Amino acid sequence: MHFPAPSVFLLVLPLLAASCASPQKHFYMLTAEGPAPSGAGAGKGTGIGVGPVSVAGYLDRPNLVFQETDNQLAISESNRWAGDLAENITRVTAANLGHILGTGNVRVYPWDSDTGLNYQVSLDILHLHGGTDGNAVLDASWRVYALPSRQLAASRSWSGTEPMRKDGYSELASAQSRLLARLAREIAAGMR
């Protein structure tokens, strides 16, 4: 019986290990339409607290989700959120609202005190995924409470689709970011 030379075995071993490795993972995050005012005016303006934000159970995972049929979802193992999805939505919504309303006085949940806040915005994200029709989908319900009384000032449901301009999970995250910007404009209009 003939065995390969030790040097050949040492060359083949890394190739075998590489072929058994899991696929490379890609990480994505949602982004705001524009920054909230900063600098000297950062703590001035209408005070807005954003949160809590809840996400539907099928979204409460690190993986991006794509709807393949009416009743079937694909969970991508190699395309993941760079952090907690609900926290990312909270921060993006806070930045979007600050940008739209021209205030740098925006906080994310949980905050220490309501002092300086005029409103609290809470969100329930019911759907946030891509579809085979080439669109990203967002369904959400939102509530605005006047502070400090915590009286409900506005409450609505909102649904939107946003075309993905090209294929890929990076574009899915971009389209979902555009949807969150549209949702923030709807919330801002309800606060005026």
N, C-alpha and C. Protein backbone atom coordinates (compact mmCIF):
# COMPACT_ATOMS: atom_id res chain seq x y z
N MET A 1 0.85 -1.18 0.00
CA MET A 1 0.00 0.00 0.00
C MET A 1 0.88 1.23 0.00
N HIS A 2 0.53 2.20 -0.81
CA HIS A 2 1.35 3.39 -0.95
C HIS A 2 0.60 4.58 -0.34
N PHE A 3 1.26 5.32 0.56
CA PHE A 3 0.70 6.51 1.20
C PHE A 3 1.30 7.76 0.58
N PRO A 4 0.51 8.85 0.46
CA PRO A 4 1.06 10.07 -0.13
C PRO A 4 2.19 10.60 0.75
N ALA A 5 3.09 11.28 0.10
CA ALA A 5 4.21 11.90 0.82
C ALA A 5 3.66 12.88 1.85
N PRO A 6 4.32 13.03 3.00
CA PRO A 6 3.84 13.94 4.04
C PRO A 6 3.64 15.36 3.54
N SER A 7 4.46 15.83 2.62
CA SER A 7 4.31 17.21 2.14
C SER A 7 3.00 17.38 1.36
N VAL A 8 2.60 16.37 0.60
CA VAL A 8 1.34 16.44 -0.13
C VAL A 8 0.17 16.47 0.85
N PHE A 9 0.24 15.64 1.88
CA PHE A 9 -0.81 15.60 2.89
C PHE A 9 -0.95 16.97 3.56
N LEU A 10 0.15 17.63 3.86
CA LEU A 10 0.11 18.95 4.50
C LEU A 10 -0.49 20.01 3.58
N LEU A 11 -0.35 19.84 2.27
CA LEU A 11 -0.96 20.77 1.32
C LEU A 11 -2.46 20.53 1.17
N VAL A 12 -2.88 19.29 1.23
CA VAL A 12 -4.29 18.94 1.04
C VAL A 12 -5.12 19.25 2.28
N LEU A 13 -4.54 19.15 3.46
CA LEU A 13 -5.27 19.37 4.71
C LEU A 13 -5.95 20.74 4.79
N PRO A 14 -5.25 21.86 4.47
CA PRO A 14 -5.93 23.16 4.50
C PRO A 14 -7.08 23.24 3.50
N LEU A 15 -6.93 22.61 2.33
CA LEU A 15 -8.01 22.62 1.35
C LEU A 15 -9.24 21.88 1.86
N LEU A 16 -9.01 20.76 2.52
CA LEU A 16 -10.13 20.02 3.10
C LEU A 16 -10.81 20.83 4.19
N ALA A 17 -10.02 21.47 5.03
CA ALA A 17 -10.59 22.29 6.11
C ALA A 17 -11.39 23.45 5.54
N ALA A 18 -10.90 24.08 4.47
CA ALA A 18 -11.61 25.21 3.86
C ALA A 18 -12.93 24.76 3.25
N SER A 19 -12.95 23.56 2.65
CA SER A 19 -14.19 23.08 2.03
C SER A 19 -15.25 22.73 3.06
N CYS A 20 -14.84 22.44 4.29
CA CYS A 20 -15.78 22.10 5.36
C CYS A 20 -16.24 23.33 6.14
N ALA A 21 -15.60 24.46 5.93
CA ALA A 21 -15.94 25.68 6.68
C ALA A 21 -17.33 26.17 6.28
N SER A 22 -17.98 26.84 7.21
CA SER A 22 -19.30 27.38 6.91
C SER A 22 -19.16 28.56 5.95
N PRO A 23 -20.22 28.87 5.19
CA PRO A 23 -20.14 29.96 4.23
C PRO A 23 -19.90 31.30 4.94
N GLN A 24 -19.27 32.20 4.21
CA GLN A 24 -18.97 33.51 4.78
C GLN A 24 -20.25 34.23 5.14
N LYS A 25 -20.26 34.88 6.30
CA LYS A 25 -21.43 35.61 6.75
C LYS A 25 -21.29 37.09 6.38
N HIS A 26 -22.41 37.69 6.00
CA HIS A 26 -22.47 39.12 5.67
C HIS A 26 -23.40 39.77 6.68
N PHE A 27 -23.04 40.96 7.14
CA PHE A 27 -23.80 41.64 8.19
C PHE A 27 -24.33 42.97 7.65
N TYR A 28 -25.58 43.27 8.01
CA TYR A 28 -26.27 44.45 7.49
C TYR A 28 -26.88 45.26 8.62
N MET A 29 -27.08 46.54 8.37
CA MET A 29 -27.79 47.38 9.32
C MET A 29 -28.68 48.34 8.55
N LEU A 30 -29.73 48.76 9.22
CA LEU A 30 -30.63 49.75 8.67
C LEU A 30 -30.02 51.12 8.90
N THR A 31 -30.30 52.07 8.00
CA THR A 31 -29.73 53.40 8.13
C THR A 31 -30.81 54.46 8.08
N ALA A 32 -30.55 55.59 8.74
CA ALA A 32 -31.48 56.71 8.77
C ALA A 32 -31.37 57.51 7.48
N GLU A 33 -32.44 58.25 7.19
CA GLU A 33 -32.48 59.09 6.01
C GLU A 33 -31.50 60.26 6.15
N GLY A 34 -31.33 60.71 7.34
CA GLY A 34 -30.41 61.82 7.62
C GLY A 34 -30.22 61.93 9.12
N PRO A 35 -29.17 62.59 9.55
CA PRO A 35 -28.92 62.68 10.99
C PRO A 35 -29.84 63.68 11.66
N ALA A 36 -30.11 63.44 12.93
CA ALA A 36 -30.80 64.44 13.74
C ALA A 36 -29.84 65.60 13.96
N PRO A 37 -30.33 66.82 14.18
CA PRO A 37 -29.43 67.94 14.44
C PRO A 37 -28.50 67.62 15.60
N SER A 38 -27.26 68.09 15.48
CA SER A 38 -26.28 67.85 16.53
C SER A 38 -25.57 69.15 16.85
N GLY A 39 -24.60 69.07 17.74
CA GLY A 39 -23.85 70.25 18.12
C GLY A 39 -24.58 71.02 19.20
N ALA A 40 -24.54 72.36 19.11
CA ALA A 40 -25.11 73.22 20.16
C ALA A 40 -26.61 73.02 20.32
N GLY A 41 -27.31 72.64 19.23
CA GLY A 41 -28.77 72.47 19.32
C GLY A 41 -29.21 71.06 19.60
N ALA A 42 -28.27 70.18 19.91
CA ALA A 42 -28.60 68.76 20.06
C ALA A 42 -29.62 68.49 21.15
N GLY A 43 -29.60 69.22 22.23
CA GLY A 43 -30.54 68.99 23.32
C GLY A 43 -31.74 69.91 23.28
N LYS A 44 -31.86 70.70 22.21
CA LYS A 44 -32.95 71.67 22.11
C LYS A 44 -33.99 71.18 21.11
N GLY A 45 -35.16 71.77 21.20
CA GLY A 45 -36.23 71.40 20.29
C GLY A 45 -37.22 70.48 20.98
N THR A 46 -38.20 70.04 20.22
CA THR A 46 -39.21 69.14 20.73
C THR A 46 -38.55 67.87 21.23
N GLY A 47 -38.87 67.47 22.46
CA GLY A 47 -38.29 66.26 23.04
C GLY A 47 -39.06 65.03 22.64
N ILE A 48 -38.38 64.08 22.02
CA ILE A 48 -39.02 62.85 21.53
C ILE A 48 -38.27 61.64 22.08
N GLY A 49 -39.00 60.75 22.72
CA GLY A 49 -38.45 59.46 23.14
C GLY A 49 -38.99 58.39 22.23
N VAL A 50 -38.12 57.57 21.68
CA VAL A 50 -38.54 56.52 20.74
C VAL A 50 -38.34 55.16 21.41
N GLY A 51 -39.44 54.43 21.52
CA GLY A 51 -39.40 53.09 22.09
C GLY A 51 -40.44 52.94 23.17
N PRO A 52 -40.73 51.73 23.54
CA PRO A 52 -40.11 50.51 23.03
C PRO A 52 -40.60 50.16 21.62
N VAL A 53 -39.76 49.38 20.94
CA VAL A 53 -40.08 48.84 19.62
C VAL A 53 -40.13 47.32 19.76
N SER A 54 -41.22 46.73 19.32
CA SER A 54 -41.32 45.27 19.31
C SER A 54 -41.33 44.79 17.86
N VAL A 55 -40.78 43.61 17.64
CA VAL A 55 -40.79 43.02 16.30
C VAL A 55 -41.51 41.68 16.36
N ALA A 56 -42.18 41.32 15.27
CA ALA A 56 -42.88 40.04 15.19
C ALA A 56 -41.90 38.90 15.45
N GLY A 57 -42.40 37.80 15.98
CA GLY A 57 -41.56 36.67 16.33
C GLY A 57 -40.69 36.15 15.20
N TYR A 58 -41.20 36.14 13.97
CA TYR A 58 -40.41 35.60 12.87
C TYR A 58 -39.22 36.50 12.53
N LEU A 59 -39.26 37.76 13.00
CA LEU A 59 -38.16 38.70 12.76
C LEU A 59 -37.17 38.74 13.92
N ASP A 60 -37.55 38.19 15.05
CA ASP A 60 -36.73 38.27 16.25
C ASP A 60 -35.60 37.23 16.19
N ARG A 61 -34.68 37.46 15.27
CA ARG A 61 -33.58 36.54 15.00
C ARG A 61 -32.48 37.36 14.33
N PRO A 62 -31.28 36.84 14.28
CA PRO A 62 -30.20 37.61 13.63
C PRO A 62 -30.25 37.57 12.10
N ASN A 63 -31.05 36.70 11.52
CA ASN A 63 -31.06 36.47 10.08
C ASN A 63 -32.03 37.40 9.35
N LEU A 64 -31.66 37.80 8.14
CA LEU A 64 -32.58 38.50 7.28
C LEU A 64 -33.61 37.50 6.74
N VAL A 65 -34.80 38.00 6.45
CA VAL A 65 -35.92 37.14 6.07
C VAL A 65 -36.42 37.54 4.68
N PHE A 66 -36.75 36.53 3.89
CA PHE A 66 -37.28 36.74 2.55
C PHE A 66 -38.51 35.86 2.38
N GLN A 67 -39.61 36.45 1.88
CA GLN A 67 -40.83 35.68 1.67
C GLN A 67 -40.82 35.06 0.29
N GLU A 68 -40.83 33.72 0.24
CA GLU A 68 -40.77 33.01 -1.03
C GLU A 68 -42.14 32.79 -1.64
N THR A 69 -43.14 32.47 -0.82
CA THR A 69 -44.53 32.31 -1.27
C THR A 69 -45.41 32.94 -0.20
N ASP A 70 -46.72 32.90 -0.44
CA ASP A 70 -47.64 33.48 0.55
C ASP A 70 -47.44 32.91 1.95
N ASN A 71 -47.10 31.64 2.03
CA ASN A 71 -47.01 30.97 3.32
C ASN A 71 -45.63 30.41 3.64
N GLN A 72 -44.61 30.82 2.89
CA GLN A 72 -43.28 30.27 3.12
C GLN A 72 -42.24 31.39 3.17
N LEU A 73 -41.42 31.34 4.24
CA LEU A 73 -40.33 32.30 4.42
C LEU A 73 -39.00 31.59 4.30
N ALA A 74 -38.00 32.31 3.80
CA ALA A 74 -36.63 31.80 3.76
C ALA A 74 -35.82 32.62 4.77
N ILE A 75 -35.13 31.93 5.64
CA ILE A 75 -34.28 32.56 6.65
C ILE A 75 -32.84 32.38 6.18
N SER A 76 -32.17 33.48 5.88
CA SER A 76 -30.81 33.40 5.35
C SER A 76 -29.81 33.15 6.47
N GLU A 77 -29.06 32.08 6.34
CA GLU A 77 -28.04 31.77 7.35
C GLU A 77 -26.80 32.64 7.21
N SER A 78 -26.48 33.05 5.99
CA SER A 78 -25.25 33.80 5.79
C SER A 78 -25.45 35.31 5.71
N ASN A 79 -26.70 35.79 5.73
CA ASN A 79 -26.99 37.22 5.70
C ASN A 79 -27.72 37.58 6.97
N ARG A 80 -27.04 38.38 7.81
CA ARG A 80 -27.53 38.64 9.17
C ARG A 80 -27.51 40.12 9.50
N TRP A 81 -28.33 40.47 10.50
CA TRP A 81 -28.29 41.82 11.04
C TRP A 81 -27.02 42.00 11.86
N ALA A 82 -26.46 43.19 11.82
CA ALA A 82 -25.21 43.47 12.53
C ALA A 82 -25.42 43.58 14.03
N GLY A 83 -26.65 43.63 14.48
CA GLY A 83 -26.98 43.70 15.90
C GLY A 83 -28.44 43.36 16.08
N ASP A 84 -29.00 43.77 17.20
CA ASP A 84 -30.40 43.52 17.50
C ASP A 84 -31.30 44.35 16.58
N LEU A 85 -32.21 43.70 15.88
CA LEU A 85 -33.07 44.37 14.90
C LEU A 85 -33.95 45.43 15.55
N ALA A 86 -34.59 45.12 16.67
CA ALA A 86 -35.46 46.10 17.34
C ALA A 86 -34.67 47.34 17.76
N GLU A 87 -33.46 47.14 18.25
CA GLU A 87 -32.61 48.27 18.65
C GLU A 87 -32.21 49.10 17.43
N ASN A 88 -31.89 48.45 16.32
CA ASN A 88 -31.54 49.16 15.10
C ASN A 88 -32.73 49.98 14.60
N ILE A 89 -33.93 49.41 14.61
CA ILE A 89 -35.13 50.14 14.20
C ILE A 89 -35.37 51.33 15.11
N THR A 90 -35.17 51.16 16.41
CA THR A 90 -35.36 52.25 17.37
C THR A 90 -34.42 53.41 17.05
N ARG A 91 -33.15 53.12 16.85
CA ARG A 91 -32.16 54.17 16.59
C ARG A 91 -32.41 54.86 15.25
N VAL A 92 -32.75 54.09 14.23
CA VAL A 92 -33.03 54.68 12.91
C VAL A 92 -34.28 55.56 12.98
N THR A 93 -35.32 55.11 13.66
CA THR A 93 -36.55 55.89 13.78
C THR A 93 -36.28 57.18 14.56
N ALA A 94 -35.49 57.10 15.62
CA ALA A 94 -35.15 58.29 16.39
C ALA A 94 -34.40 59.30 15.52
N ALA A 95 -33.42 58.85 14.77
CA ALA A 95 -32.66 59.76 13.90
C ALA A 95 -33.56 60.34 12.81
N ASN A 96 -34.42 59.50 12.22
CA ASN A 96 -35.33 59.99 11.19
C ASN A 96 -36.29 61.05 11.73
N LEU A 97 -36.87 60.80 12.91
CA LEU A 97 -37.80 61.78 13.49
C LEU A 97 -37.08 63.07 13.84
N GLY A 98 -35.88 62.97 14.41
CA GLY A 98 -35.11 64.17 14.72
C GLY A 98 -34.81 64.97 13.47
N HIS A 99 -34.44 64.29 12.40
CA HIS A 99 -34.13 64.94 11.12
C HIS A 99 -35.38 65.62 10.54
N ILE A 100 -36.48 64.91 10.52
CA ILE A 100 -37.72 65.43 9.92
C ILE A 100 -38.26 66.61 10.73
N LEU A 101 -38.24 66.49 12.06
CA LEU A 101 -38.81 67.52 12.93
C LEU A 101 -37.80 68.59 13.33
N GLY A 102 -36.56 68.45 12.90
CA GLY A 102 -35.54 69.45 13.18
C GLY A 102 -35.19 69.57 14.65
N THR A 103 -35.16 68.44 15.35
CA THR A 103 -34.80 68.47 16.76
C THR A 103 -33.68 67.48 17.05
N GLY A 104 -32.77 67.92 17.89
CA GLY A 104 -31.73 67.03 18.35
C GLY A 104 -32.04 66.45 19.71
N ASN A 105 -33.22 66.81 20.24
CA ASN A 105 -33.64 66.36 21.58
C ASN A 105 -34.40 65.04 21.44
N VAL A 106 -33.68 64.01 21.04
CA VAL A 106 -34.28 62.70 20.79
C VAL A 106 -33.53 61.66 21.62
N ARG A 107 -34.29 60.78 22.27
CA ARG A 107 -33.71 59.71 23.07
C ARG A 107 -34.30 58.37 22.65
N VAL A 108 -33.53 57.31 22.92
CA VAL A 108 -34.03 55.97 22.63
C VAL A 108 -34.32 55.25 23.94
N TYR A 109 -35.31 54.38 23.90
CA TYR A 109 -35.76 53.62 25.05
C TYR A 109 -34.71 52.58 25.44
N PRO A 110 -34.46 52.36 26.71
CA PRO A 110 -35.05 53.06 27.86
C PRO A 110 -34.24 54.30 28.23
N TRP A 111 -34.91 55.32 28.69
CA TRP A 111 -34.24 56.54 29.14
C TRP A 111 -34.47 56.70 30.63
N ASP A 112 -33.61 57.49 31.26
CA ASP A 112 -33.65 57.62 32.72
C ASP A 112 -34.86 58.39 33.22
N SER A 113 -35.25 59.43 32.50
CA SER A 113 -36.30 60.33 32.99
C SER A 113 -37.04 60.93 31.80
N ASP A 114 -38.31 61.25 31.99
CA ASP A 114 -39.09 61.92 30.95
C ASP A 114 -38.82 63.41 30.88
N THR A 115 -38.02 63.93 31.79
CA THR A 115 -37.73 65.36 31.83
C THR A 115 -37.20 65.81 30.48
N GLY A 116 -37.81 66.85 29.93
CA GLY A 116 -37.40 67.39 28.64
C GLY A 116 -38.04 66.71 27.44
N LEU A 117 -38.84 65.67 27.67
CA LEU A 117 -39.52 64.99 26.57
C LEU A 117 -40.96 65.46 26.46
N ASN A 118 -41.39 65.69 25.22
CA ASN A 118 -42.77 66.07 24.95
C ASN A 118 -43.61 64.90 24.45
N TYR A 119 -42.95 63.95 23.80
CA TYR A 119 -43.66 62.82 23.19
C TYR A 119 -42.87 61.53 23.37
N GLN A 120 -43.62 60.43 23.40
CA GLN A 120 -43.03 59.10 23.34
C GLN A 120 -43.67 58.38 22.16
N VAL A 121 -42.84 57.76 21.34
CA VAL A 121 -43.30 57.02 20.17
C VAL A 121 -42.97 55.54 20.40
N SER A 122 -43.98 54.69 20.31
CA SER A 122 -43.73 53.24 20.40
C SER A 122 -44.20 52.58 19.11
N LEU A 123 -43.51 51.51 18.73
CA LEU A 123 -43.77 50.83 17.47
C LEU A 123 -43.93 49.34 17.65
N ASP A 124 -44.81 48.75 16.87
CA ASP A 124 -44.90 47.29 16.72
C ASP A 124 -44.65 47.00 15.25
N ILE A 125 -43.56 46.30 14.97
CA ILE A 125 -43.23 45.93 13.60
C ILE A 125 -43.82 44.55 13.34
N LEU A 126 -44.82 44.51 12.48
CA LEU A 126 -45.56 43.27 12.20
C LEU A 126 -44.94 42.48 11.05
N HIS A 127 -44.43 43.19 10.04
CA HIS A 127 -43.79 42.57 8.88
C HIS A 127 -42.63 43.46 8.45
N LEU A 128 -41.50 42.84 8.14
CA LEU A 128 -40.35 43.55 7.58
C LEU A 128 -39.50 42.50 6.88
N HIS A 129 -39.70 42.39 5.56
CA HIS A 129 -38.97 41.37 4.79
C HIS A 129 -39.00 41.74 3.31
N GLY A 130 -38.28 40.96 2.53
CA GLY A 130 -38.31 41.10 1.09
C GLY A 130 -39.23 40.06 0.48
N GLY A 131 -39.60 40.28 -0.77
CA GLY A 131 -40.48 39.33 -1.45
C GLY A 131 -40.00 39.04 -2.86
N THR A 132 -40.52 37.96 -3.44
CA THR A 132 -40.13 37.57 -4.79
C THR A 132 -40.64 38.55 -5.85
N ASP A 133 -41.54 39.46 -5.46
CA ASP A 133 -42.03 40.47 -6.40
C ASP A 133 -41.05 41.63 -6.55
N GLY A 134 -39.92 41.58 -5.85
CA GLY A 134 -38.91 42.63 -5.96
C GLY A 134 -39.13 43.80 -5.02
N ASN A 135 -40.02 43.63 -4.04
CA ASN A 135 -40.31 44.69 -3.09
C ASN A 135 -39.92 44.30 -1.67
N ALA A 136 -39.56 45.30 -0.89
CA ALA A 136 -39.44 45.14 0.56
C ALA A 136 -40.78 45.56 1.14
N VAL A 137 -41.17 44.92 2.24
CA VAL A 137 -42.48 45.13 2.87
C VAL A 137 -42.29 45.56 4.31
N LEU A 138 -43.08 46.56 4.74
CA LEU A 138 -43.11 46.97 6.14
C LEU A 138 -44.56 47.19 6.55
N ASP A 139 -44.99 46.49 7.58
CA ASP A 139 -46.29 46.72 8.21
C ASP A 139 -46.01 47.02 9.67
N ALA A 140 -46.56 48.13 10.16
CA ALA A 140 -46.29 48.55 11.54
C ALA A 140 -47.50 49.24 12.13
N SER A 141 -47.59 49.21 13.42
CA SER A 141 -48.54 50.07 14.13
C SER A 141 -47.71 50.94 15.05
N TRP A 142 -48.15 52.20 15.21
CA TRP A 142 -47.40 53.13 16.03
C TRP A 142 -48.34 53.95 16.91
N ARG A 143 -47.78 54.38 18.02
CA ARG A 143 -48.54 55.20 18.97
C ARG A 143 -47.65 56.35 19.42
N VAL A 144 -48.27 57.52 19.57
CA VAL A 144 -47.59 58.69 20.12
C VAL A 144 -48.31 59.07 21.40
N TYR A 145 -47.55 59.19 22.48
CA TYR A 145 -48.08 59.60 23.78
C TYR A 145 -47.55 60.98 24.11
N ALA A 146 -48.44 61.86 24.60
CA ALA A 146 -48.01 63.17 25.09
C ALA A 146 -47.43 62.98 26.48
N LEU A 147 -46.29 63.61 26.72
CA LEU A 147 -45.65 63.53 28.03
C LEU A 147 -45.74 64.90 28.71
N PRO A 148 -45.87 64.96 30.02
CA PRO A 148 -45.69 63.88 30.98
C PRO A 148 -46.97 63.10 31.30
N SER A 149 -48.12 63.49 30.72
CA SER A 149 -49.39 62.86 31.09
C SER A 149 -49.51 61.42 30.57
N ARG A 150 -48.72 61.04 29.58
CA ARG A 150 -48.79 59.74 28.91
C ARG A 150 -50.16 59.50 28.26
N GLN A 151 -50.79 60.59 27.85
CA GLN A 151 -52.07 60.49 27.17
C GLN A 151 -51.82 60.17 25.70
N LEU A 152 -52.59 59.21 25.16
CA LEU A 152 -52.45 58.82 23.77
C LEU A 152 -52.82 60.00 22.87
N ALA A 153 -51.88 60.44 22.04
CA ALA A 153 -52.11 61.58 21.15
C ALA A 153 -52.45 61.14 19.73
N ALA A 154 -51.89 60.01 19.31
CA ALA A 154 -52.16 59.50 17.96
C ALA A 154 -51.83 58.02 17.94
N SER A 155 -52.57 57.27 17.11
CA SER A 155 -52.32 55.83 16.98
C SER A 155 -52.80 55.40 15.60
N ARG A 156 -51.91 54.76 14.86
CA ARG A 156 -52.27 54.33 13.51
C ARG A 156 -51.52 53.05 13.13
N SER A 157 -52.02 52.44 12.07
CA SER A 157 -51.30 51.35 11.41
C SER A 157 -50.79 51.88 10.09
N TRP A 158 -49.67 51.36 9.65
CA TRP A 158 -49.08 51.82 8.39
C TRP A 158 -48.51 50.62 7.66
N SER A 159 -48.73 50.58 6.35
CA SER A 159 -48.18 49.54 5.49
C SER A 159 -47.55 50.18 4.28
N GLY A 160 -46.42 49.64 3.86
CA GLY A 160 -45.78 50.16 2.67
C GLY A 160 -44.92 49.11 2.01
N THR A 161 -44.69 49.32 0.72
CA THR A 161 -43.74 48.50 -0.03
C THR A 161 -42.75 49.45 -0.68
N GLU A 162 -41.56 48.95 -0.89
CA GLU A 162 -40.51 49.76 -1.52
C GLU A 162 -39.77 48.87 -2.51
N PRO A 163 -39.68 49.30 -3.77
CA PRO A 163 -38.98 48.46 -4.74
C PRO A 163 -37.49 48.33 -4.41
N MET A 164 -36.99 47.12 -4.60
CA MET A 164 -35.55 46.90 -4.49
C MET A 164 -34.96 47.23 -5.85
N ARG A 165 -34.01 48.14 -5.87
CA ARG A 165 -33.46 48.65 -7.13
C ARG A 165 -32.55 47.66 -7.84
N LYS A 166 -32.09 46.66 -7.10
CA LYS A 166 -31.27 45.60 -7.68
C LYS A 166 -31.40 44.38 -6.77
N ASP A 167 -30.82 43.28 -7.18
CA ASP A 167 -30.87 42.06 -6.38
C ASP A 167 -29.88 42.14 -5.22
N GLY A 168 -30.16 41.38 -4.19
CA GLY A 168 -29.20 41.24 -3.11
C GLY A 168 -29.72 41.70 -1.77
N TYR A 169 -29.10 41.15 -0.75
CA TYR A 169 -29.51 41.48 0.62
C TYR A 169 -29.12 42.89 1.02
N SER A 170 -28.04 43.43 0.45
CA SER A 170 -27.66 44.81 0.75
C SER A 170 -28.77 45.76 0.28
N GLU A 171 -29.30 45.50 -0.90
CA GLU A 171 -30.39 46.33 -1.40
C GLU A 171 -31.67 46.12 -0.59
N LEU A 172 -31.88 44.90 -0.09
CA LEU A 172 -33.04 44.66 0.78
C LEU A 172 -32.95 45.55 2.01
N ALA A 173 -31.78 45.61 2.66
CA ALA A 173 -31.61 46.48 3.84
C ALA A 173 -31.79 47.94 3.47
N SER A 174 -31.34 48.35 2.28
CA SER A 174 -31.53 49.73 1.83
C SER A 174 -33.01 50.05 1.62
N ALA A 175 -33.74 49.14 0.98
CA ALA A 175 -35.17 49.35 0.75
C ALA A 175 -35.92 49.39 2.08
N GLN A 176 -35.54 48.54 3.02
CA GLN A 176 -36.17 48.56 4.34
C GLN A 176 -35.86 49.87 5.06
N SER A 177 -34.68 50.41 4.88
CA SER A 177 -34.32 51.71 5.46
C SER A 177 -35.20 52.81 4.88
N ARG A 178 -35.43 52.76 3.56
CA ARG A 178 -36.31 53.76 2.94
C ARG A 178 -37.73 53.64 3.46
N LEU A 179 -38.19 52.41 3.71
CA LEU A 179 -39.52 52.22 4.30
C LEU A 179 -39.60 52.83 5.69
N LEU A 180 -38.56 52.66 6.50
CA LEU A 180 -38.56 53.25 7.84
C LEU A 180 -38.57 54.77 7.78
N ALA A 181 -37.93 55.36 6.77
CA ALA A 181 -37.96 56.80 6.59
C ALA A 181 -39.38 57.26 6.25
N ARG A 182 -40.05 56.52 5.40
CA ARG A 182 -41.45 56.86 5.07
C ARG A 182 -42.35 56.74 6.29
N LEU A 183 -42.14 55.69 7.08
CA LEU A 183 -42.91 55.52 8.31
C LEU A 183 -42.66 56.70 9.26
N ALA A 184 -41.42 57.13 9.39
CA ALA A 184 -41.11 58.26 10.27
C ALA A 184 -41.81 59.54 9.80
N ARG A 185 -41.90 59.75 8.49
CA ARG A 185 -42.63 60.93 7.99
C ARG A 185 -44.12 60.85 8.37
N GLU A 186 -44.68 59.65 8.31
CA GLU A 186 -46.08 59.45 8.71
C GLU A 186 -46.26 59.75 10.20
N ILE A 187 -45.34 59.27 11.02
CA ILE A 187 -45.41 59.52 12.47
C ILE A 187 -45.25 61.00 12.76
N ALA A 188 -44.29 61.64 12.11
CA ALA A 188 -44.05 63.08 12.30
C ALA A 188 -45.28 63.89 11.95
N ALA A 189 -45.96 63.52 10.87
CA ALA A 189 -47.19 64.22 10.47
C ALA A 189 -48.25 64.05 11.54
N GLY A 190 -48.31 62.90 12.19
CA GLY A 190 -49.28 62.66 13.27
C GLY A 190 -48.95 63.41 14.54
N MET A 191 -47.71 63.86 14.68
CA MET A 191 -47.30 64.59 15.88
C MET A 191 -47.52 66.08 15.74
N ARG A 192 -47.71 66.57 14.53
CA ARG A 192 -47.85 68.03 14.31
C ARG A 192 -49.26 68.49 14.61
